[in-house]
Amino acid sequence: MREEDAESERHGFWAWEAVNALVRQEPEEAWAMILRLVALAPDDRTLANVAAGPLEDLLGLHPYAFVGLVEEEARRDARFRRCLSGVWGWTSIPEDVQLRIRRTWEGEDPL
């Protein structure tokens, strides 16, 4: 591995750890960060990473605290709705919350 790639990987892991800690310990701040990441995502690949990472983790760890906010944001913002379609970690999200989430992007192609 090139030295530059190794350095980039180290920074990426640090960032992942920081985001993971935020989702676990400060979910309201994590929610704000997720909304910002969605707004700034340059492409579907980035949206998919937000979906399968911090958004999925937030919904798995704090499903009932955020499902209403998620539904509201999905109604308001097509970009967020697109991101939400990339959440796939259903085993960690209660079934009733899964159904509510899936309804928000019904009829759209998932990421």
PDB file of N, CA and C in Angstrom:
ATOM      1  N   MET A   1       0.839  -1.166   0.000  1.00  0.00           N
ATOM      2  CA  MET A   1       0.000   0.000   0.000  1.00  0.00           C
ATOM      3  C   MET A   1       0.891   1.238   0.000  1.00  0.00           C
ATOM      4  N   ARG A   2       0.519   2.190  -0.835  1.00  0.00           N
ATOM      5  CA  ARG A   2       1.279   3.438  -0.875  1.00  0.00           C
ATOM      6  C   ARG A   2       1.120   4.183   0.444  1.00  0.00           C
ATOM      7  N   GLU A   3       2.125   4.955   0.789  1.00  0.00           N
ATOM      8  CA  GLU A   3       2.098   5.718   2.045  1.00  0.00           C
ATOM      9  C   GLU A   3       0.902   6.670   2.078  1.00  0.00           C
ATOM     10  N   GLU A   4       0.596   7.298   0.941  1.00  0.00           N
ATOM     11  CA  GLU A   4      -0.542   8.223   0.886  1.00  0.00           C
ATOM     12  C   GLU A   4      -1.856   7.494   1.138  1.00  0.00           C
ATOM     13  N   ASP A   5      -2.002   6.275   0.597  1.00  0.00           N
ATOM     14  CA  ASP A   5      -3.216   5.490   0.800  1.00  0.00           C
ATOM     15  C   ASP A   5      -3.348   5.067   2.260  1.00  0.00           C
ATOM     16  N   ALA A   6      -2.247   4.689   2.872  1.00  0.00           N
ATOM     17  CA  ALA A   6      -2.270   4.291   4.278  1.00  0.00           C
ATOM     18  C   ALA A   6      -2.660   5.468   5.158  1.00  0.00           C
ATOM     19  N   GLU A   7      -2.139   6.643   4.852  1.00  0.00           N
ATOM     20  CA  GLU A   7      -2.473   7.849   5.610  1.00  0.00           C
ATOM     21  C   GLU A   7      -3.956   8.182   5.453  1.00  0.00           C
ATOM     22  N   SER A   8      -4.457   8.082   4.242  1.00  0.00           N
ATOM     23  CA  SER A   8      -5.873   8.351   3.980  1.00  0.00           C
ATOM     24  C   SER A   8      -6.753   7.360   4.739  1.00  0.00           C
ATOM     25  N   GLU A   9      -6.350   6.102   4.763  1.00  0.00           N
ATOM     26  CA  GLU A   9      -7.107   5.078   5.481  1.00  0.00           C
ATOM     27  C   GLU A   9      -7.129   5.361   6.980  1.00  0.00           C
ATOM     28  N   ARG A  10      -6.002   5.788   7.538  1.00  0.00           N
ATOM     29  CA  ARG A  10      -5.955   6.127   8.968  1.00  0.00           C
ATOM     30  C   ARG A  10      -6.906   7.271   9.283  1.00  0.00           C
ATOM     31  N   HIS A  11      -6.916   8.286   8.431  1.00  0.00           N
ATOM     32  CA  HIS A  11      -7.826   9.420   8.635  1.00  0.00           C
ATOM     33  C   HIS A  11      -9.272   8.978   8.485  1.00  0.00           C
ATOM     34  N   GLY A  12      -9.540   8.126   7.530  1.00  0.00           N
ATOM     35  CA  GLY A  12     -10.898   7.621   7.320  1.00  0.00           C
ATOM     36  C   GLY A  12     -11.398   6.840   8.519  1.00  0.00           C
ATOM     37  N   PHE A  13     -10.544   6.028   9.127  1.00  0.00           N
ATOM     38  CA  PHE A  13     -10.954   5.248  10.286  1.00  0.00           C
ATOM     39  C   PHE A  13     -11.219   6.166  11.468  1.00  0.00           C
ATOM     40  N   TRP A  14     -10.394   7.171  11.645  1.00  0.00           N
ATOM     41  CA  TRP A  14     -10.616   8.132  12.723  1.00  0.00           C
ATOM     42  C   TRP A  14     -11.969   8.808  12.544  1.00  0.00           C
ATOM     43  N   ALA A  15     -12.277   9.198  11.316  1.00  0.00           N
ATOM     44  CA  ALA A  15     -13.548   9.862  11.035  1.00  0.00           C
ATOM     45  C   ALA A  15     -14.707   8.915  11.313  1.00  0.00           C
ATOM     46  N   TRP A  16     -14.583   7.661  10.897  1.00  0.00           N
ATOM     47  CA  TRP A  16     -15.638   6.678  11.149  1.00  0.00           C
ATOM     48  C   TRP A  16     -15.857   6.516  12.650  1.00  0.00           C
ATOM     49  N   GLU A  17     -14.784   6.415  13.419  1.00  0.00           N
ATOM     50  CA  GLU A  17     -14.914   6.283  14.875  1.00  0.00           C
ATOM     51  C   GLU A  17     -15.613   7.494  15.490  1.00  0.00           C
ATOM     52  N   ALA A  18     -15.282   8.677  15.021  1.00  0.00           N
ATOM     53  CA  ALA A  18     -15.895   9.902  15.544  1.00  0.00           C
ATOM     54  C   ALA A  18     -17.393   9.935  15.231  1.00  0.00           C
ATOM     55  N   VAL A  19     -17.755   9.588  14.014  1.00  0.00           N
ATOM     56  CA  VAL A  19     -19.174   9.558  13.630  1.00  0.00           C
ATOM     57  C   VAL A  19     -19.911   8.495  14.429  1.00  0.00           C
ATOM     58  N   ASN A  20     -19.324   7.341  14.574  1.00  0.00           N
ATOM     59  CA  ASN A  20     -19.931   6.246  15.333  1.00  0.00           C
ATOM     60  C   ASN A  20     -20.174   6.667  16.788  1.00  0.00           C
ATOM     61  N   ALA A  21     -19.217   7.316  17.396  1.00  0.00           N
ATOM     62  CA  ALA A  21     -19.368   7.787  18.775  1.00  0.00           C
ATOM     63  C   ALA A  21     -20.479   8.827  18.868  1.00  0.00           C
ATOM     64  N   LEU A  22     -20.554   9.701  17.903  1.00  0.00           N
ATOM     65  CA  LEU A  22     -21.602  10.718  17.897  1.00  0.00           C
ATOM     66  C   LEU A  22     -22.986  10.078  17.812  1.00  0.00           C
ATOM     67  N   VAL A  23     -23.144   9.108  16.929  1.00  0.00           N
ATOM     68  CA  VAL A  23     -24.432   8.415  16.781  1.00  0.00           C
ATOM     69  C   VAL A  23     -24.817   7.730  18.091  1.00  0.00           C
ATOM     70  N   ARG A  24     -23.872   7.137  18.766  1.00  0.00           N
ATOM     71  CA  ARG A  24     -24.159   6.412  20.008  1.00  0.00           C
ATOM     72  C   ARG A  24     -24.385   7.338  21.199  1.00  0.00           C
ATOM     73  N   GLN A  25     -23.587   8.376  21.310  1.00  0.00           N
ATOM     74  CA  GLN A  25     -23.581   9.184  22.530  1.00  0.00           C
ATOM     75  C   GLN A  25     -24.319  10.518  22.410  1.00  0.00           C
ATOM     76  N   GLU A  26     -24.413  11.060  21.223  1.00  0.00           N
ATOM     77  CA  GLU A  26     -25.048  12.363  20.998  1.00  0.00           C
ATOM     78  C   GLU A  26     -25.955  12.275  19.771  1.00  0.00           C
ATOM     79  N   PRO A  27     -27.022  11.483  19.853  1.00  0.00           N
ATOM     80  CA  PRO A  27     -27.819  11.226  18.650  1.00  0.00           C
ATOM     81  C   PRO A  27     -28.442  12.471  18.024  1.00  0.00           C
ATOM     82  N   GLU A  28     -28.791  13.477  18.814  1.00  0.00           N
ATOM     83  CA  GLU A  28     -29.360  14.692  18.233  1.00  0.00           C
ATOM     84  C   GLU A  28     -28.318  15.415  17.362  1.00  0.00           C
ATOM     85  N   GLU A  29     -27.094  15.445  17.840  1.00  0.00           N
ATOM     86  CA  GLU A  29     -26.015  16.040  17.037  1.00  0.00           C
ATOM     87  C   GLU A  29     -25.734  15.188  15.803  1.00  0.00           C
ATOM     88  N   ALA A  30     -25.817  13.881  15.964  1.00  0.00           N
ATOM     89  CA  ALA A  30     -25.615  12.984  14.826  1.00  0.00           C
ATOM     90  C   ALA A  30     -26.688  13.220  13.766  1.00  0.00           C
ATOM     91  N   TRP A  31     -27.925  13.430  14.200  1.00  0.00           N
ATOM     92  CA  TRP A  31     -29.013  13.703  13.264  1.00  0.00           C
ATOM     93  C   TRP A  31     -28.705  14.960  12.442  1.00  0.00           C
ATOM     94  N   ALA A  32     -28.280  16.014  13.107  1.00  0.00           N
ATOM     95  CA  ALA A  32     -27.929  17.246  12.403  1.00  0.00           C
ATOM     96  C   ALA A  32     -26.783  17.006  11.417  1.00  0.00           C
ATOM     97  N   MET A  33     -25.801  16.221  11.825  1.00  0.00           N
ATOM     98  CA  MET A  33     -24.674  15.907  10.952  1.00  0.00           C
ATOM     99  C   MET A  33     -25.149  15.105   9.738  1.00  0.00           C
ATOM    100  N   ILE A  34     -26.025  14.129   9.954  1.00  0.00           N
ATOM    101  CA  ILE A  34     -26.541  13.312   8.853  1.00  0.00           C
ATOM    102  C   ILE A  34     -27.264  14.191   7.837  1.00  0.00           C
ATOM    103  N   LEU A  35     -28.089  15.107   8.316  1.00  0.00           N
ATOM    104  CA  LEU A  35     -28.795  16.007   7.400  1.00  0.00           C
ATOM    105  C   LEU A  35     -27.809  16.839   6.588  1.00  0.00           C
ATOM    106  N   ARG A  36     -26.760  17.275   7.215  1.00  0.00           N
ATOM    107  CA  ARG A  36     -25.733  18.067   6.521  1.00  0.00           C
ATOM    108  C   ARG A  36     -24.987  17.211   5.491  1.00  0.00           C
ATOM    109  N   LEU A  37     -24.646  15.971   5.866  1.00  0.00           N
ATOM    110  CA  LEU A  37     -23.973  15.069   4.926  1.00  0.00           C
ATOM    111  C   LEU A  37     -24.841  14.798   3.712  1.00  0.00           C
ATOM    112  N   VAL A  38     -26.130  14.602   3.932  1.00  0.00           N
ATOM    113  CA  VAL A  38     -27.054  14.377   2.812  1.00  0.00           C
ATOM    114  C   VAL A  38     -27.078  15.607   1.904  1.00  0.00           C
ATOM    115  N   ALA A  39     -27.169  16.768   2.503  1.00  0.00           N
ATOM    116  CA  ALA A  39     -27.222  18.004   1.716  1.00  0.00           C
ATOM    117  C   ALA A  39     -25.952  18.211   0.891  1.00  0.00           C
ATOM    118  N   LEU A  40     -24.813  17.804   1.426  1.00  0.00           N
ATOM    119  CA  LEU A  40     -23.533  18.035   0.752  1.00  0.00           C
ATOM    120  C   LEU A  40     -23.076  16.878  -0.140  1.00  0.00           C
ATOM    121  N   ALA A  41     -23.755  15.732  -0.084  1.00  0.00           N
ATOM    122  CA  ALA A  41     -23.323  14.554  -0.849  1.00  0.00           C
ATOM    123  C   ALA A  41     -23.313  14.865  -2.342  1.00  0.00           C
ATOM    124  N   PRO A  42     -22.177  14.633  -2.996  1.00  0.00           N
ATOM    125  CA  PRO A  42     -22.074  14.975  -4.413  1.00  0.00           C
ATOM    126  C   PRO A  42     -22.708  13.949  -5.357  1.00  0.00           C
ATOM    127  N   ASP A  43     -22.997  12.736  -4.839  1.00  0.00           N
ATOM    128  CA  ASP A  43     -23.494  11.691  -5.731  1.00  0.00           C
ATOM    129  C   ASP A  43     -24.185  10.588  -4.937  1.00  0.00           C
ATOM    130  N   ASP A  44     -24.782   9.644  -5.668  1.00  0.00           N
ATOM    131  CA  ASP A  44     -25.495   8.531  -5.030  1.00  0.00           C
ATOM    132  C   ASP A  44     -24.571   7.631  -4.207  1.00  0.00           C
ATOM    133  N   ARG A  45     -23.340   7.490  -4.639  1.00  0.00           N
ATOM    134  CA  ARG A  45     -22.393   6.648  -3.882  1.00  0.00           C
ATOM    135  C   ARG A  45     -22.205   7.215  -2.473  1.00  0.00           C
ATOM    136  N   THR A  46     -22.064   8.511  -2.382  1.00  0.00           N
ATOM    137  CA  THR A  46     -21.899   9.154  -1.086  1.00  0.00           C
ATOM    138  C   THR A  46     -23.179   9.036  -0.272  1.00  0.00           C
ATOM    139  N   LEU A  47     -24.335   9.245  -0.900  1.00  0.00           N
ATOM    140  CA  LEU A  47     -25.603   9.064  -0.192  1.00  0.00           C
ATOM    141  C   LEU A  47     -25.733   7.642   0.341  1.00  0.00           C
ATOM    142  N   ALA A  48     -25.303   6.661  -0.446  1.00  0.00           N
ATOM    143  CA  ALA A  48     -25.372   5.261  -0.008  1.00  0.00           C
ATOM    144  C   ALA A  48     -24.490   5.024   1.211  1.00  0.00           C
ATOM    145  N   ASN A  49     -23.337   5.686   1.259  1.00  0.00           N
ATOM    146  CA  ASN A  49     -22.460   5.548   2.419  1.00  0.00           C
ATOM    147  C   ASN A  49     -23.061   6.176   3.670  1.00  0.00           C
ATOM    148  N   VAL A  50     -23.749   7.293   3.508  1.00  0.00           N
ATOM    149  CA  VAL A  50     -24.442   7.913   4.641  1.00  0.00           C
ATOM    150  C   VAL A  50     -25.575   6.987   5.093  1.00  0.00           C
ATOM    151  N   ALA A  51     -26.313   6.443   4.131  1.00  0.00           N
ATOM    152  CA  ALA A  51     -27.442   5.562   4.444  1.00  0.00           C
ATOM    153  C   ALA A  51     -26.997   4.312   5.186  1.00  0.00           C
ATOM    154  N   ALA A  52     -25.978   3.649   4.664  1.00  0.00           N
ATOM    155  CA  ALA A  52     -25.527   2.378   5.232  1.00  0.00           C
ATOM    156  C   ALA A  52     -24.615   2.568   6.429  1.00  0.00           C
ATOM    157  N   GLY A  53     -24.303   3.796   6.752  1.00  0.00           N
ATOM    158  CA  GLY A  53     -23.446   4.094   7.893  1.00  0.00           C
ATOM    159  C   GLY A  53     -24.213   4.797   8.990  1.00  0.00           C
ATOM    160  N   PRO A  54     -24.024   6.105   9.127  1.00  0.00           N
ATOM    161  CA  PRO A  54     -24.600   6.792  10.281  1.00  0.00           C
ATOM    162  C   PRO A  54     -26.126   6.795  10.327  1.00  0.00           C
ATOM    163  N   LEU A  55     -26.796   6.886   9.187  1.00  0.00           N
ATOM    164  CA  LEU A  55     -28.266   6.895   9.222  1.00  0.00           C
ATOM    165  C   LEU A  55     -28.808   5.549   9.678  1.00  0.00           C
ATOM    166  N   GLU A  56     -28.282   4.483   9.119  1.00  0.00           N
ATOM    167  CA  GLU A  56     -28.691   3.134   9.521  1.00  0.00           C
ATOM    168  C   GLU A  56     -28.375   2.883  10.997  1.00  0.00           C
ATOM    169  N   ASP A  57     -27.226   3.298  11.438  1.00  0.00           N
ATOM    170  CA  ASP A  57     -26.848   3.118  12.844  1.00  0.00           C
ATOM    171  C   ASP A  57     -27.761   3.909  13.773  1.00  0.00           C
ATOM    172  N   LEU A  58     -28.078   5.143  13.391  1.00  0.00           N
ATOM    173  CA  LEU A  58     -28.974   5.967  14.205  1.00  0.00           C
ATOM    174  C   LEU A  58     -30.336   5.296  14.340  1.00  0.00           C
ATOM    175  N   LEU A  59     -30.847   4.766  13.235  1.00  0.00           N
ATOM    176  CA  LEU A  59     -32.157   4.114  13.265  1.00  0.00           C
ATOM    177  C   LEU A  59     -32.120   2.783  14.013  1.00  0.00           C
ATOM    178  N   GLY A  60     -30.987   2.129  14.005  1.00  0.00           N
ATOM    179  CA  GLY A  60     -30.853   0.882  14.752  1.00  0.00           C
ATOM    180  C   GLY A  60     -30.724   1.114  16.245  1.00  0.00           C
ATOM    181  N   LEU A  61     -30.043   2.170  16.626  1.00  0.00           N
ATOM    182  CA  LEU A  61     -29.800   2.446  18.044  1.00  0.00           C
ATOM    183  C   LEU A  61     -30.890   3.279  18.706  1.00  0.00           C
ATOM    184  N   HIS A  62     -31.536   4.134  17.932  1.00  0.00           N
ATOM    185  CA  HIS A  62     -32.520   5.071  18.489  1.00  0.00           C
ATOM    186  C   HIS A  62     -33.765   5.122  17.590  1.00  0.00           C
ATOM    187  N   PRO A  63     -34.366   3.982  17.292  1.00  0.00           N
ATOM    188  CA  PRO A  63     -35.425   3.964  16.272  1.00  0.00           C
ATOM    189  C   PRO A  63     -36.635   4.836  16.608  1.00  0.00           C
ATOM    190  N   TYR A  64     -37.110   4.752  17.820  1.00  0.00           N
ATOM    191  CA  TYR A  64     -38.345   5.457  18.165  1.00  0.00           C
ATOM    192  C   TYR A  64     -38.119   6.946  18.409  1.00  0.00           C
ATOM    193  N   ALA A  65     -36.924   7.308  18.744  1.00  0.00           N
ATOM    194  CA  ALA A  65     -36.618   8.719  18.959  1.00  0.00           C
ATOM    195  C   ALA A  65     -36.536   9.488  17.639  1.00  0.00           C
ATOM    196  N   PHE A  66     -36.240   8.790  16.528  1.00  0.00           N
ATOM    197  CA  PHE A  66     -35.982   9.490  15.276  1.00  0.00           C
ATOM    198  C   PHE A  66     -36.910   9.128  14.126  1.00  0.00           C
ATOM    199  N   VAL A  67     -37.735   8.126  14.263  1.00  0.00           N
ATOM    200  CA  VAL A  67     -38.553   7.716  13.118  1.00  0.00           C
ATOM    201  C   VAL A  67     -39.491   8.831  12.673  1.00  0.00           C
ATOM    202  N   GLY A  68     -40.058   9.577  13.583  1.00  0.00           N
ATOM    203  CA  GLY A  68     -40.926  10.691  13.201  1.00  0.00           C
ATOM    204  C   GLY A  68     -40.176  11.769  12.448  1.00  0.00           C
ATOM    205  N   LEU A  69     -38.981  12.100  12.923  1.00  0.00           N
ATOM    206  CA  LEU A  69     -38.145  13.086  12.234  1.00  0.00           C
ATOM    207  C   LEU A  69     -37.741  12.593  10.848  1.00  0.00           C
ATOM    208  N   VAL A  70     -37.442  11.313  10.753  1.00  0.00           N
ATOM    209  CA  VAL A  70     -37.062  10.717   9.467  1.00  0.00           C
ATOM    210  C   VAL A  70     -38.229  10.801   8.487  1.00  0.00           C
ATOM    211  N   GLU A  71     -39.431  10.459   8.947  1.00  0.00           N
ATOM    212  CA  GLU A  71     -40.601  10.537   8.073  1.00  0.00           C
ATOM    213  C   GLU A  71     -40.839  11.972   7.595  1.00  0.00           C
ATOM    214  N   GLU A  72     -40.741  12.902   8.513  1.00  0.00           N
ATOM    215  CA  GLU A  72     -40.940  14.307   8.180  1.00  0.00           C
ATOM    216  C   GLU A  72     -39.912  14.798   7.166  1.00  0.00           C
ATOM    217  N   GLU A  73     -38.661  14.460   7.396  1.00  0.00           N
ATOM    218  CA  GLU A  73     -37.596  14.891   6.482  1.00  0.00           C
ATOM    219  C   GLU A  73     -37.763  14.246   5.112  1.00  0.00           C
ATOM    220  N   ALA A  74     -38.166  12.984   5.081  1.00  0.00           N
ATOM    221  CA  ALA A  74     -38.374  12.291   3.807  1.00  0.00           C
ATOM    222  C   ALA A  74     -39.517  12.919   3.007  1.00  0.00           C
ATOM    223  N   ARG A  75     -40.558  13.382   3.677  1.00  0.00           N
ATOM    224  CA  ARG A  75     -41.661  14.064   2.979  1.00  0.00           C
ATOM    225  C   ARG A  75     -41.188  15.403   2.410  1.00  0.00           C
ATOM    226  N   ARG A  76     -40.318  16.063   3.135  1.00  0.00           N
ATOM    227  CA  ARG A  76     -39.865  17.402   2.778  1.00  0.00           C
ATOM    228  C   ARG A  76     -38.753  17.418   1.730  1.00  0.00           C
ATOM    229  N   ASP A  77     -37.870  16.416   1.773  1.00  0.00           N
ATOM    230  CA  ASP A  77     -36.631  16.478   0.989  1.00  0.00           C
ATOM    231  C   ASP A  77     -36.413  15.201   0.168  1.00  0.00           C
ATOM    232  N   ALA A  78     -36.504  15.332  -1.149  1.00  0.00           N
ATOM    233  CA  ALA A  78     -36.322  14.188  -2.047  1.00  0.00           C
ATOM    234  C   ALA A  78     -34.921  13.597  -1.937  1.00  0.00           C
ATOM    235  N   ARG A  79     -33.941  14.409  -1.692  1.00  0.00           N
ATOM    236  CA  ARG A  79     -32.554  13.930  -1.566  1.00  0.00           C
ATOM    237  C   ARG A  79     -32.411  13.047  -0.327  1.00  0.00           C
ATOM    238  N   PHE A  80     -33.020  13.470   0.778  1.00  0.00           N
ATOM    239  CA  PHE A  80     -32.994  12.650   1.985  1.00  0.00           C
ATOM    240  C   PHE A  80     -33.754  11.347   1.746  1.00  0.00           C
ATOM    241  N   ARG A  81     -34.894  11.443   1.071  1.00  0.00           N
ATOM    242  CA  ARG A  81     -35.678  10.248   0.756  1.00  0.00           C
ATOM    243  C   ARG A  81     -34.842   9.269  -0.056  1.00  0.00           C
ATOM    244  N   ARG A  82     -34.080   9.790  -1.001  1.00  0.00           N
ATOM    245  CA  ARG A  82     -33.184   8.947  -1.813  1.00  0.00           C
ATOM    246  C   ARG A  82     -32.149   8.271  -0.917  1.00  0.00           C
ATOM    247  N   CYS A  83     -31.575   9.015  -0.004  1.00  0.00           N
ATOM    248  CA  CYS A  83     -30.601   8.462   0.930  1.00  0.00           C
ATOM    249  C   CYS A  83     -31.240   7.366   1.780  1.00  0.00           C
ATOM    250  N   LEU A  84     -32.419   7.626   2.275  1.00  0.00           N
ATOM    251  CA  LEU A  84     -33.113   6.676   3.136  1.00  0.00           C
ATOM    252  C   LEU A  84     -33.350   5.338   2.432  1.00  0.00           C
ATOM    253  N   SER A  85     -33.500   5.376   1.122  1.00  0.00           N
ATOM    254  CA  SER A  85     -33.719   4.136   0.369  1.00  0.00           C
ATOM    255  C   SER A  85     -32.497   3.223   0.397  1.00  0.00           C
ATOM    256  N   GLY A  86     -31.361   3.740   0.851  1.00  0.00           N
ATOM    257  CA  GLY A  86     -30.137   2.937   0.937  1.00  0.00           C
ATOM    258  C   GLY A  86     -29.912   2.304   2.290  1.00  0.00           C
ATOM    259  N   VAL A  87     -30.845   2.476   3.206  1.00  0.00           N
ATOM    260  CA  VAL A  87     -30.740   1.806   4.509  1.00  0.00           C
ATOM    261  C   VAL A  87     -31.112   0.347   4.307  1.00  0.00           C
ATOM    262  N   TRP A  88     -30.182  -0.555   4.676  1.00  0.00           N
ATOM    263  CA  TRP A  88     -30.406  -1.987   4.457  1.00  0.00           C
ATOM    264  C   TRP A  88     -30.245  -2.815   5.722  1.00  0.00           C
ATOM    265  N   GLY A  89     -29.831  -2.249   6.812  1.00  0.00           N
ATOM    266  CA  GLY A  89     -29.568  -3.009   8.033  1.00  0.00           C
ATOM    267  C   GLY A  89     -30.822  -3.281   8.833  1.00  0.00           C
ATOM    268  N   TRP A  90     -31.783  -3.901   8.201  1.00  0.00           N
ATOM    269  CA  TRP A  90     -33.100  -4.068   8.817  1.00  0.00           C
ATOM    270  C   TRP A  90     -33.083  -4.938  10.063  1.00  0.00           C
ATOM    271  N   THR A  91     -32.111  -5.788  10.250  1.00  0.00           N
ATOM    272  CA  THR A  91     -32.118  -6.660  11.429  1.00  0.00           C
ATOM    273  C   THR A  91     -31.950  -5.887  12.726  1.00  0.00           C
ATOM    274  N   SER A  92     -31.403  -4.693  12.661  1.00  0.00           N
ATOM    275  CA  SER A  92     -31.199  -3.902  13.875  1.00  0.00           C
ATOM    276  C   SER A  92     -32.314  -2.879  14.112  1.00  0.00           C
ATOM    277  N   ILE A  93     -33.281  -2.808  13.198  1.00  0.00           N
ATOM    278  CA  ILE A  93     -34.355  -1.819  13.291  1.00  0.00           C
ATOM    279  C   ILE A  93     -35.671  -2.563  13.536  1.00  0.00           C
ATOM    280  N   PRO A  94     -36.447  -2.162  14.547  1.00  0.00           N
ATOM    281  CA  PRO A  94     -37.719  -2.839  14.826  1.00  0.00           C
ATOM    282  C   PRO A  94     -38.638  -2.853  13.593  1.00  0.00           C
ATOM    283  N   GLU A  95     -39.399  -3.911  13.457  1.00  0.00           N
ATOM    284  CA  GLU A  95     -40.227  -4.113  12.266  1.00  0.00           C
ATOM    285  C   GLU A  95     -41.222  -2.974  12.029  1.00  0.00           C
ATOM    286  N   ASP A  96     -41.849  -2.466  13.076  1.00  0.00           N
ATOM    287  CA  ASP A  96     -42.816  -1.381  12.878  1.00  0.00           C
ATOM    288  C   ASP A  96     -42.127  -0.106  12.376  1.00  0.00           C
ATOM    289  N   VAL A  97     -40.905   0.127  12.807  1.00  0.00           N
ATOM    290  CA  VAL A  97     -40.145   1.280  12.334  1.00  0.00           C
ATOM    291  C   VAL A  97     -39.705   1.048  10.885  1.00  0.00           C
ATOM    292  N   GLN A  98     -39.311  -0.167  10.570  1.00  0.00           N
ATOM    293  CA  GLN A  98     -38.948  -0.504   9.192  1.00  0.00           C
ATOM    294  C   GLN A  98     -40.088  -0.174   8.236  1.00  0.00           C
ATOM    295  N   LEU A  99     -41.291  -0.588   8.590  1.00  0.00           N
ATOM    296  CA  LEU A  99     -42.452  -0.345   7.737  1.00  0.00           C
ATOM    297  C   LEU A  99     -42.682   1.141   7.527  1.00  0.00           C
ATOM    298  N   ARG A 100     -42.563   1.906   8.580  1.00  0.00           N
ATOM    299  CA  ARG A 100     -42.745   3.353   8.463  1.00  0.00           C
ATOM    300  C   ARG A 100     -41.685   3.966   7.554  1.00  0.00           C
ATOM    301  N   ILE A 101     -40.454   3.510   7.684  1.00  0.00           N
ATOM    302  CA  ILE A 101     -39.360   4.035   6.865  1.00  0.00           C
ATOM    303  C   ILE A 101     -39.552   3.657   5.400  1.00  0.00           C
ATOM    304  N   ARG A 102     -39.873   2.401   5.159  1.00  0.00           N
ATOM    305  CA  ARG A 102     -40.044   1.944   3.771  1.00  0.00           C
ATOM    306  C   ARG A 102     -41.166   2.696   3.065  1.00  0.00           C
ATOM    307  N   ARG A 103     -42.204   3.044   3.790  1.00  0.00           N
ATOM    308  CA  ARG A 103     -43.311   3.793   3.188  1.00  0.00           C
ATOM    309  C   ARG A 103     -42.868   5.164   2.685  1.00  0.00           C
ATOM    310  N   THR A 104     -41.835   5.726   3.290  1.00  0.00           N
ATOM    311  CA  THR A 104     -41.413   7.070   2.897  1.00  0.00           C
ATOM    312  C   THR A 104     -40.800   7.109   1.506  1.00  0.00           C
ATOM    313  N   TRP A 105     -40.225   6.003   1.059  1.00  0.00           N
ATOM    314  CA  TRP A 105     -39.592   6.018  -0.271  1.00  0.00           C
ATOM    315  C   TRP A 105     -40.205   4.992  -1.226  1.00  0.00           C
ATOM    316  N   GLU A 106     -41.399   4.504  -0.893  1.00  0.00           N
ATOM    317  CA  GLU A 106     -42.112   3.565  -1.753  1.00  0.00           C
ATOM    318  C   GLU A 106     -42.237   4.128  -3.171  1.00  0.00           C
ATOM    319  N   GLY A 107     -42.023   3.275  -4.144  1.00  0.00           N
ATOM    320  CA  GLY A 107     -42.150   3.695  -5.538  1.00  0.00           C
ATOM    321  C   GLY A 107     -40.889   4.276  -6.149  1.00  0.00           C
ATOM    322  N   GLU A 108     -39.877   4.472  -5.352  1.00  0.00           N
ATOM    323  CA  GLU A 108     -38.602   4.998  -5.867  1.00  0.00           C
ATOM    324  C   GLU A 108     -37.598   3.854  -5.951  1.00  0.00           C
ATOM    325  N   ASP A 109     -36.653   3.983  -6.859  1.00  0.00           N
ATOM    326  CA  ASP A 109     -35.577   2.987  -6.968  1.00  0.00           C
ATOM    327  C   ASP A 109     -34.654   3.151  -5.775  1.00  0.00           C
ATOM    328  N   PRO A 110     -34.373   2.046  -5.060  1.00  0.00           N
ATOM    329  CA  PRO A 110     -33.428   2.162  -3.922  1.00  0.00           C
ATOM    330  C   PRO A 110     -32.003   2.363  -4.412  1.00  0.00           C
ATOM    331  N   LEU A 111     -31.209   2.936  -3.526  1.00  0.00           N
ATOM    332  CA  LEU A 111     -29.776   3.112  -3.826  1.00  0.00           C
ATOM    333  C   LEU A 111     -29.108   1.775  -3.965  1.00  0.00           C
TER     334      LEU A 111
END
